[in-house]
Amino acid sequence: MHGEYKVPGGKLVVVDLEVVDGVIREFRLAGDFFLEPDDALPLIDGAVNGLPATTDAAGIAAAVRDALPSDAVLLGFTPESVGVAVRRALSRASTWQEYDWEIIHEGPISPNEHLALDQVLTEEVGAGRRGPTLRIWEWDQPAVVIGSFQSLKNEVDPEGAAKYGVEVVRRISGGGAMFMDAGAIISYSLYVPTDLVQGMTFADSYAYLDEWVIEALKSLGIEAYYQPLNDISSTKGKIGGAAQKRLGTGALLHHATMSYDMDGEKMVQVLRIGREKMSDKGTTSAAKRVDPLRSQTGLTRAEIIDRLIGTFTKLYGAHEGHVTDAERARAQELVASKFATREWLERVP
């Protein structure tokens, strides 16, 4: 069995092993990480060999840590990453490079249609009718997208929303509210087989699925990093956040929103939670909370999107794709029957 795990912000961890009578045998660790002293490598191999194949990632990490000498130095990986790689091998997880990726970047549609497409395309990947896909959003009207479990009245100020013509919609994933002014943010969705994140915790999968974004932002000169659980951050402030939904069909939705040119003052007039966060942090100007990509790069939104697409293609290989007529028709049906209904929007009043 073979398993690989690219540590977010770190190095590649590669493991090979066999399972004999329910026990891990012939275990070998490799990768482009750094490890001192040299004789620590066989100690790690020895720690994993003989473990029950049912040992979880935390148990594997504990065995590795206990086997290492006190002066051991691990750079680019951790005992936890070894545990993840082993669990990925045991669960026969797939890798990014095994798939024929499609990238969709089409013209603007309504916020509700974006949310419906997220459900439809995730279902299509799970059913095997569509390959793994990255989709970049475009829209031309302001909106607030609240998480599946958020209270509508607690999150949104209806007077502020009406003042600025902001549509309020609800997505199928959890997490916090997104203020989406037209042309002011960059949003994308990944529709992937759950095999890609086998052996990972939910927390690990967030950073793993957004590692390409961190690399793209760094290539633009942004000192970007992932802040658990789901924030894309930089040394100058938070850039955005991600959310996930696993449909139980063999596929998952992972989507993220990053600020490009956020009007912070407008945001806090529409979002109640924004005011609370400003108050908690003693911040007098909302614009200081979410640092826009424009101020850090000086680039247009289109140029940043081009870099994101280019980085993803370079890392994983991808070709241009499109939403099919059948997928769009199904999404529009879902808008009418679900996403645009008061019942859905007010599912948590």
Protein backbone atom coordinates (compact mmCIF):
# COMPACT_ATOMS: atom_id res chain seq x y z
CA MET A 1 0.00 0.00 0.00
CA HIS A 2 1.19 3.49 -0.86
CA GLY A 3 0.15 6.79 0.69
CA GLU A 4 1.13 10.42 0.19
CA TYR A 5 0.37 13.58 2.12
CA LYS A 6 1.57 17.06 1.18
CA VAL A 7 1.81 18.93 4.48
CA PRO A 8 0.15 22.36 4.07
CA GLY A 9 3.01 24.82 4.05
CA GLY A 10 5.47 21.94 4.42
CA LYS A 11 6.88 18.93 2.62
CA LEU A 12 5.69 15.72 1.01
CA VAL A 13 5.37 12.66 3.26
CA VAL A 14 5.35 9.30 1.45
CA VAL A 15 4.73 5.92 3.04
CA ASP A 16 4.76 2.35 1.77
CA LEU A 17 3.52 -0.56 3.84
CA GLU A 18 1.84 -3.95 3.90
CA VAL A 19 -0.83 -5.32 6.21
CA VAL A 20 -0.37 -8.87 7.42
CA ASP A 21 -2.92 -10.43 9.76
CA GLY A 22 -4.25 -6.98 10.65
CA VAL A 23 -0.82 -5.59 11.52
CA ILE A 24 1.30 -3.01 9.66
CA ARG A 25 4.44 -4.60 8.18
CA GLU A 26 7.25 -3.54 5.83
CA PHE A 27 6.66 0.11 6.66
CA ARG A 28 8.95 2.67 5.02
CA LEU A 29 8.85 6.44 5.32
CA ALA A 30 10.23 8.75 2.62
CA GLY A 31 9.78 12.31 1.38
CA ASP A 32 11.44 15.66 0.73
CA PHE A 33 11.37 16.69 4.39
CA PHE A 34 14.38 17.28 6.65
CA LEU A 35 15.17 15.06 9.62
CA GLU A 36 18.02 15.03 12.11
CA PRO A 37 19.73 12.87 13.22
CA ASP A 38 19.91 10.46 10.29
CA ASP A 39 19.27 7.43 12.47
CA ALA A 40 15.86 8.86 13.44
CA LEU A 41 14.38 7.56 10.18
CA PRO A 42 14.66 3.85 11.04
CA LEU A 43 13.28 4.68 14.49
CA ILE A 44 10.13 6.07 12.86
CA ASP A 45 9.87 3.01 10.63
CA GLY A 46 10.23 0.76 13.64
CA ALA A 47 7.60 2.67 15.59
CA VAL A 48 4.95 2.14 12.89
CA ASN A 49 5.86 -1.45 12.08
CA GLY A 50 3.80 -3.75 14.24
CA LEU A 51 0.98 -1.33 14.93
CA PRO A 52 -2.56 -2.64 14.39
CA ALA A 53 -3.88 -1.53 11.01
CA THR A 54 -6.85 -0.04 12.85
CA THR A 55 -4.67 2.49 14.70
CA ASP A 56 -5.92 6.00 14.02
CA ALA A 57 -3.71 8.90 12.91
CA ALA A 58 -3.35 10.23 16.46
CA GLY A 59 -2.21 6.82 17.72
CA ILE A 60 0.35 6.52 14.93
CA ALA A 61 1.64 10.02 15.66
CA ALA A 62 2.00 9.18 19.36
CA ALA A 63 4.01 6.03 18.55
CA VAL A 64 6.32 8.02 16.27
CA ARG A 65 6.80 10.77 18.83
CA ASP A 66 7.60 8.28 21.58
CA ALA A 67 10.24 6.62 19.39
CA LEU A 68 12.12 9.81 18.51
CA PRO A 69 15.13 10.92 20.54
CA SER A 70 14.75 14.15 22.49
CA ASP A 71 17.16 15.96 20.14
CA ALA A 72 15.34 14.98 16.95
CA VAL A 73 14.54 17.84 14.56
CA LEU A 74 11.70 17.47 12.07
CA LEU A 75 11.42 20.18 9.40
CA GLY A 76 8.55 20.25 6.93
CA PHE A 77 6.66 17.40 8.60
CA THR A 78 5.44 16.17 11.97
CA PRO A 79 4.52 12.88 13.63
CA GLU A 80 0.89 13.85 12.90
CA SER A 81 1.60 14.09 9.18
CA VAL A 82 3.09 10.60 9.25
CA GLY A 83 -0.13 9.40 10.85
CA VAL A 84 -2.21 11.04 8.12
CA ALA A 85 -0.05 9.52 5.37
CA VAL A 86 -0.40 6.05 6.90
CA ARG A 87 -4.17 6.37 7.19
CA ARG A 88 -4.32 7.57 3.58
CA ALA A 89 -2.38 4.48 2.51
CA LEU A 90 -4.62 2.17 4.50
CA SER A 91 -7.77 3.78 3.09
CA ARG A 92 -6.31 3.81 -0.43
CA ALA A 93 -6.78 7.56 -0.76
CA SER A 94 -6.33 9.17 -4.14
CA THR A 95 -4.06 12.11 -5.03
CA TRP A 96 -4.65 15.33 -6.97
CA GLN A 97 -2.64 14.07 -9.92
CA GLU A 98 -4.85 11.00 -10.44
CA TYR A 99 -7.74 13.08 -11.75
CA ASP A 100 -8.56 14.95 -14.93
CA TRP A 101 -9.47 18.32 -13.46
CA GLU A 102 -11.89 20.76 -15.08
CA ILE A 103 -11.89 24.51 -14.42
CA ILE A 104 -15.09 26.48 -14.95
CA HIS A 105 -15.03 30.28 -15.08
CA GLU A 106 -18.15 31.61 -16.75
CA GLY A 107 -20.20 34.80 -16.73
CA PRO A 108 -22.24 36.19 -13.84
CA ILE A 109 -25.28 34.41 -12.46
CA SER A 110 -27.45 35.08 -9.41
CA PRO A 111 -26.17 34.20 -5.92
CA ASN A 112 -28.89 31.59 -5.51
CA GLU A 113 -27.92 29.91 -8.77
CA HIS A 114 -24.31 29.74 -7.55
CA LEU A 115 -25.49 27.98 -4.40
CA ALA A 116 -27.70 25.60 -6.36
CA LEU A 117 -24.85 24.78 -8.74
CA ASP A 118 -22.68 23.93 -5.74
CA GLN A 119 -25.17 21.25 -4.77
CA VAL A 120 -25.73 20.00 -8.33
CA LEU A 121 -22.06 19.76 -9.31
CA THR A 122 -21.13 18.03 -6.06
CA GLU A 123 -23.88 15.49 -6.69
CA GLU A 124 -22.66 15.01 -10.27
CA VAL A 125 -19.12 14.28 -9.09
CA GLY A 126 -20.44 11.82 -6.52
CA ALA A 127 -22.49 10.04 -9.19
CA GLY A 128 -19.49 9.79 -11.51
CA ARG A 129 -21.11 11.91 -14.25
CA ARG A 130 -18.60 14.73 -13.77
CA GLY A 131 -14.91 14.70 -12.96
CA PRO A 132 -13.40 16.75 -10.13
CA THR A 133 -13.94 20.44 -10.84
CA LEU A 134 -12.80 23.89 -9.76
CA ARG A 135 -15.36 26.64 -10.41
CA ILE A 136 -14.69 30.38 -10.08
CA TRP A 137 -17.77 32.47 -9.28
CA GLU A 138 -18.91 35.63 -11.06
CA TRP A 139 -21.96 37.71 -10.06
CA ASP A 140 -23.17 41.28 -10.63
CA GLN A 141 -25.35 42.02 -7.62
CA PRO A 142 -24.57 42.43 -3.89
CA ALA A 143 -25.49 39.57 -1.58
CA VAL A 144 -25.00 38.10 1.86
CA VAL A 145 -24.57 34.34 1.97
CA ILE A 146 -25.25 32.89 5.41
CA GLY A 147 -24.18 29.45 6.59
CA SER A 148 -26.57 26.53 6.71
CA PHE A 149 -26.95 26.69 10.50
CA GLN A 150 -26.84 30.44 11.11
CA SER A 151 -29.79 32.40 12.47
CA LEU A 152 -31.10 34.81 9.85
CA LYS A 153 -32.17 37.48 12.33
CA ASN A 154 -28.97 37.22 14.34
CA GLU A 155 -26.73 37.60 11.30
CA VAL A 156 -28.41 40.13 9.01
CA ASP A 157 -29.77 43.62 9.61
CA PRO A 158 -32.78 43.81 7.26
CA GLU A 159 -32.70 47.62 7.17
CA GLY A 160 -29.05 47.65 6.15
CA ALA A 161 -29.65 44.97 3.51
CA ALA A 162 -32.59 46.90 2.07
CA LYS A 163 -30.63 50.17 2.08
CA TYR A 164 -27.90 48.74 -0.15
CA GLY A 165 -30.08 46.36 -2.18
CA VAL A 166 -28.34 43.32 -0.75
CA GLU A 167 -29.99 39.94 -1.38
CA VAL A 168 -29.77 37.48 1.51
CA VAL A 169 -29.35 33.79 0.63
CA ARG A 170 -28.43 30.59 2.49
CA ARG A 171 -25.91 27.95 1.39
CA ILE A 172 -25.78 24.21 2.16
CA SER A 173 -22.45 24.34 4.01
CA GLY A 174 -21.90 25.56 7.54
CA GLY A 175 -19.66 28.39 8.68
CA GLY A 176 -20.12 32.12 8.83
CA ALA A 177 -21.75 34.79 6.69
CA MET A 178 -20.10 36.12 3.54
CA PHE A 179 -20.64 39.70 2.40
CA MET A 180 -20.43 39.56 -1.40
CA ASP A 181 -20.42 42.95 -3.08
CA ALA A 182 -20.22 42.75 -6.86
CA GLY A 183 -16.59 42.61 -7.99
CA ALA A 184 -15.31 42.93 -4.43
CA ILE A 185 -14.43 39.33 -3.59
CA ILE A 186 -13.06 36.18 -5.19
CA SER A 187 -15.05 33.00 -4.58
CA TYR A 188 -14.38 29.50 -5.82
CA SER A 189 -15.81 26.03 -5.30
CA LEU A 190 -14.11 22.63 -5.46
CA TYR A 191 -16.17 19.52 -6.17
CA VAL A 192 -14.00 16.53 -5.30
CA PRO A 193 -14.31 12.80 -4.57
CA THR A 194 -14.06 12.08 -0.86
CA ASP A 195 -11.27 9.64 -1.74
CA LEU A 196 -9.01 12.68 -2.14
CA VAL A 197 -9.22 13.45 1.59
CA GLN A 198 -9.42 9.89 2.95
CA GLY A 199 -7.38 9.45 6.11
CA MET A 200 -7.63 13.12 7.07
CA THR A 201 -9.57 14.85 9.79
CA PHE A 202 -11.99 17.56 8.72
CA ALA A 203 -9.50 20.15 9.96
CA ASP A 204 -6.65 18.64 7.93
CA SER A 205 -8.79 18.52 4.80
CA TYR A 206 -9.49 22.27 4.87
CA ALA A 207 -5.84 23.25 4.67
CA TYR A 208 -5.07 20.43 2.23
CA LEU A 209 -7.74 21.51 -0.26
CA ASP A 210 -6.63 25.16 -0.13
CA GLU A 211 -2.88 24.57 -0.29
CA TRP A 212 -2.81 25.57 -3.98
CA VAL A 213 -4.40 28.92 -3.05
CA ILE A 214 -1.72 29.62 -0.45
CA GLU A 215 0.94 28.88 -3.07
CA ALA A 216 -0.74 31.19 -5.58
CA LEU A 217 -0.98 34.02 -3.06
CA LYS A 218 2.67 33.61 -2.08
CA SER A 219 3.64 33.84 -5.76
CA LEU A 220 1.94 37.28 -5.75
CA GLY A 221 4.11 38.43 -2.85
CA ILE A 222 1.51 37.90 -0.13
CA GLU A 223 2.80 36.28 3.07
CA ALA A 224 -0.19 33.92 3.17
CA TYR A 225 -0.84 31.02 5.49
CA TYR A 226 -3.71 28.84 6.66
CA GLN A 227 -5.14 29.52 10.10
CA PRO A 228 -7.19 26.61 11.47
CA LEU A 229 -9.93 25.80 11.15
CA ASN A 230 -10.82 27.50 7.90
CA ASP A 231 -9.23 30.94 7.49
CA ILE A 232 -6.91 32.06 4.70
CA SER A 233 -4.77 34.73 6.34
CA SER A 234 -1.72 36.89 5.83
CA THR A 235 0.64 38.83 8.04
CA LYS A 236 -1.43 41.94 7.20
CA GLY A 237 -4.80 40.46 8.10
CA LYS A 238 -7.43 37.90 7.27
CA ILE A 239 -8.04 37.35 3.55
CA GLY A 240 -10.95 34.92 3.55
CA GLY A 241 -12.48 31.72 4.79
CA ALA A 242 -13.63 28.31 3.58
CA ALA A 243 -16.56 25.97 4.23
CA GLN A 244 -17.35 22.35 3.38
CA LYS A 245 -20.30 20.07 2.88
CA ARG A 246 -20.10 16.30 2.49
CA LEU A 247 -23.20 14.97 0.79
CA GLY A 248 -22.66 11.29 1.59
CA THR A 249 -22.60 10.46 -2.11
CA GLY A 250 -18.86 9.99 -2.48
CA ALA A 251 -18.13 13.67 -3.08
CA LEU A 252 -17.64 16.84 -1.07
CA LEU A 253 -18.07 20.54 -1.68
CA HIS A 254 -15.29 22.85 -0.55
CA HIS A 255 -15.71 26.53 -1.26
CA ALA A 256 -13.95 29.69 -0.16
CA THR A 257 -14.37 33.45 -0.37
CA MET A 258 -11.49 35.93 -0.32
CA SER A 259 -11.78 39.70 -0.03
CA TYR A 260 -10.51 41.72 -2.97
CA ASP A 261 -11.83 45.23 -2.29
CA MET A 262 -14.16 45.03 0.68
CA ASP A 263 -16.28 48.01 1.74
CA GLY A 264 -16.00 47.30 5.44
CA GLU A 265 -18.32 50.10 6.53
CA LYS A 266 -21.12 48.79 4.32
CA MET A 267 -20.48 45.25 5.55
CA VAL A 268 -21.08 46.12 9.19
CA GLN A 269 -24.32 47.92 8.34
CA VAL A 270 -25.62 44.74 6.72
CA LEU A 271 -24.10 42.06 9.00
CA ARG A 272 -24.86 42.19 12.72
CA ILE A 273 -22.06 39.75 13.51
CA GLY A 274 -19.59 42.12 11.87
CA ARG A 275 -20.36 44.77 14.47
CA GLU A 276 -19.85 42.30 17.30
CA LYS A 277 -16.49 41.20 15.95
CA MET A 278 -15.36 44.81 15.61
CA SER A 279 -16.47 45.53 19.18
CA ASP A 280 -14.78 42.41 20.55
CA LYS A 281 -11.49 43.41 18.93
CA GLY A 282 -11.76 47.08 19.82
CA THR A 283 -11.64 47.98 16.14
CA THR A 284 -13.10 51.33 15.18
CA SER A 285 -12.90 50.84 11.41
CA ALA A 286 -14.40 47.72 9.83
CA ALA A 287 -12.14 48.18 6.83
CA LYS A 288 -9.20 47.19 9.03
CA ARG A 289 -10.56 43.75 9.82
CA VAL A 290 -10.46 42.07 6.39
CA ASP A 291 -7.41 43.16 4.43
CA PRO A 292 -8.26 43.19 0.70
CA LEU A 293 -6.16 41.46 -1.91
CA ARG A 294 -6.02 44.63 -3.98
CA SER A 295 -4.15 46.57 -1.30
CA GLN A 296 -1.58 43.78 -0.93
CA THR A 297 -0.93 43.18 -4.64
CA GLY A 298 -1.96 46.25 -6.62
CA LEU A 299 -3.41 43.84 -9.19
CA THR A 300 -6.84 43.71 -10.73
CA ARG A 301 -9.28 41.06 -9.61
CA ALA A 302 -8.99 39.39 -13.04
CA GLU A 303 -5.20 39.21 -12.75
CA ILE A 304 -5.44 37.50 -9.37
CA ILE A 305 -7.98 35.00 -10.71
CA ASP A 306 -5.65 34.27 -13.63
CA ARG A 307 -2.85 33.51 -11.15
CA LEU A 308 -5.11 31.20 -9.15
CA ILE A 309 -6.11 29.28 -12.27
CA GLY A 310 -2.52 29.16 -13.50
CA THR A 311 -1.21 27.85 -10.19
CA PHE A 312 -3.89 25.17 -9.97
CA THR A 313 -3.18 24.06 -13.54
CA LYS A 314 0.57 23.96 -12.97
CA LEU A 315 0.23 21.85 -9.83
CA TYR A 316 -2.49 19.42 -10.83
CA GLY A 317 -3.13 19.74 -14.56
CA ALA A 318 -6.54 20.98 -15.72
CA HIS A 319 -8.55 21.91 -18.77
CA GLU A 320 -11.25 24.49 -19.41
CA GLY A 321 -14.77 23.27 -18.79
CA HIS A 322 -18.36 24.45 -18.69
CA VAL A 323 -21.57 23.88 -16.78
CA THR A 324 -23.71 21.63 -18.97
CA ASP A 325 -27.21 22.57 -20.05
CA ALA A 326 -28.60 19.72 -17.92
CA GLU A 327 -26.65 20.86 -14.84
CA ARG A 328 -27.81 24.45 -15.27
CA ALA A 329 -31.41 23.38 -15.72
CA ARG A 330 -31.24 21.28 -12.57
CA ALA A 331 -29.69 24.21 -10.65
CA GLN A 332 -32.46 26.55 -11.78
CA GLU A 333 -35.04 24.01 -10.64
CA LEU A 334 -33.35 23.93 -7.23
CA VAL A 335 -33.40 27.73 -7.04
CA ALA A 336 -37.17 27.69 -7.49
CA SER A 337 -37.90 24.72 -5.24
CA LYS A 338 -35.34 25.33 -2.49
CA PHE A 339 -32.81 28.14 -2.44
CA ALA A 340 -35.16 31.05 -3.28
CA THR A 341 -37.89 29.91 -0.90
CA ARG A 342 -38.65 31.52 2.45
CA GLU A 343 -38.67 28.05 4.00
CA TRP A 344 -35.00 27.54 3.12
CA LEU A 345 -33.86 31.05 3.93
CA GLU A 346 -35.65 30.98 7.29
CA ARG A 347 -34.82 27.36 8.21
CA VAL A 348 -33.04 28.89 11.21
CA PRO A 349 -35.07 32.07 11.82
